[in-house]
């Protein structure tokens, strides 16, 4: 059984969602950077 209070669970959910959003944004930036770097090479990107 979980012993966390509702408030604690909500805070954890918020924290996880915030971290997920940050990681997704960071991942999108890395994808764009990767495409930019690949476009400078001999082969083309899909």
Protein backbone atom coordinates (compact mmCIF):
# COMPACT_ATOMS: atom_id res chain seq x y z
CA UNK A 1 0.00 0.00 0.00
CA UNK A 2 1.15 3.52 -0.73
CA UNK A 3 1.56 5.70 2.31
CA UNK A 4 2.02 8.96 0.43
CA UNK A 5 -0.54 11.68 0.89
CA UNK A 6 -2.51 13.00 -2.08
CA UNK A 7 -0.52 16.22 -1.97
CA UNK A 8 2.76 14.31 -2.04
CA UNK A 9 1.59 12.19 -4.97
CA UNK A 10 0.47 15.27 -6.86
CA UNK A 11 3.83 16.92 -6.24
CA UNK A 12 5.65 13.82 -7.47
CA UNK A 13 3.48 13.68 -10.59
CA UNK A 14 4.11 17.37 -11.26
CA UNK A 15 7.83 16.87 -10.79
CA UNK A 16 7.91 13.88 -13.13
CA UNK A 17 5.89 15.72 -15.77
CA UNK A 18 8.18 18.74 -15.52
CA UNK A 19 11.25 16.57 -15.93
CA UNK A 20 9.68 14.73 -18.86
CA UNK A 21 8.82 18.01 -20.60
CA UNK A 22 12.38 19.25 -20.08
CA UNK A 23 13.87 16.04 -21.46
CA UNK A 24 11.52 16.07 -24.47
CA UNK A 25 12.51 19.66 -25.25
CA UNK A 26 16.19 18.81 -24.87
CA UNK A 27 15.75 15.77 -27.11
CA UNK A 28 14.11 17.88 -29.82
CA UNK A 29 17.03 20.32 -29.72
CA UNK A 30 19.49 17.45 -30.01
CA UNK A 31 17.60 15.97 -32.97
CA UNK A 32 17.75 19.31 -34.78
CA UNK A 33 21.44 19.68 -34.02
CA UNK A 34 22.07 16.13 -35.22
CA UNK A 35 20.27 16.81 -38.51
CA UNK A 36 22.26 20.03 -38.92
CA UNK A 37 25.54 18.19 -38.41
CA UNK A 38 24.55 15.33 -40.71
CA UNK A 39 23.52 17.72 -43.48
CA UNK A 40 27.12 18.89 -43.65
CA UNK A 41 28.34 15.41 -44.52
CA UNK A 42 28.39 13.51 -47.80
CA UNK A 43 25.17 11.58 -47.30
CA UNK A 44 21.71 13.08 -46.98
CA UNK A 45 19.34 12.62 -44.07
CA UNK A 46 16.00 10.86 -44.50
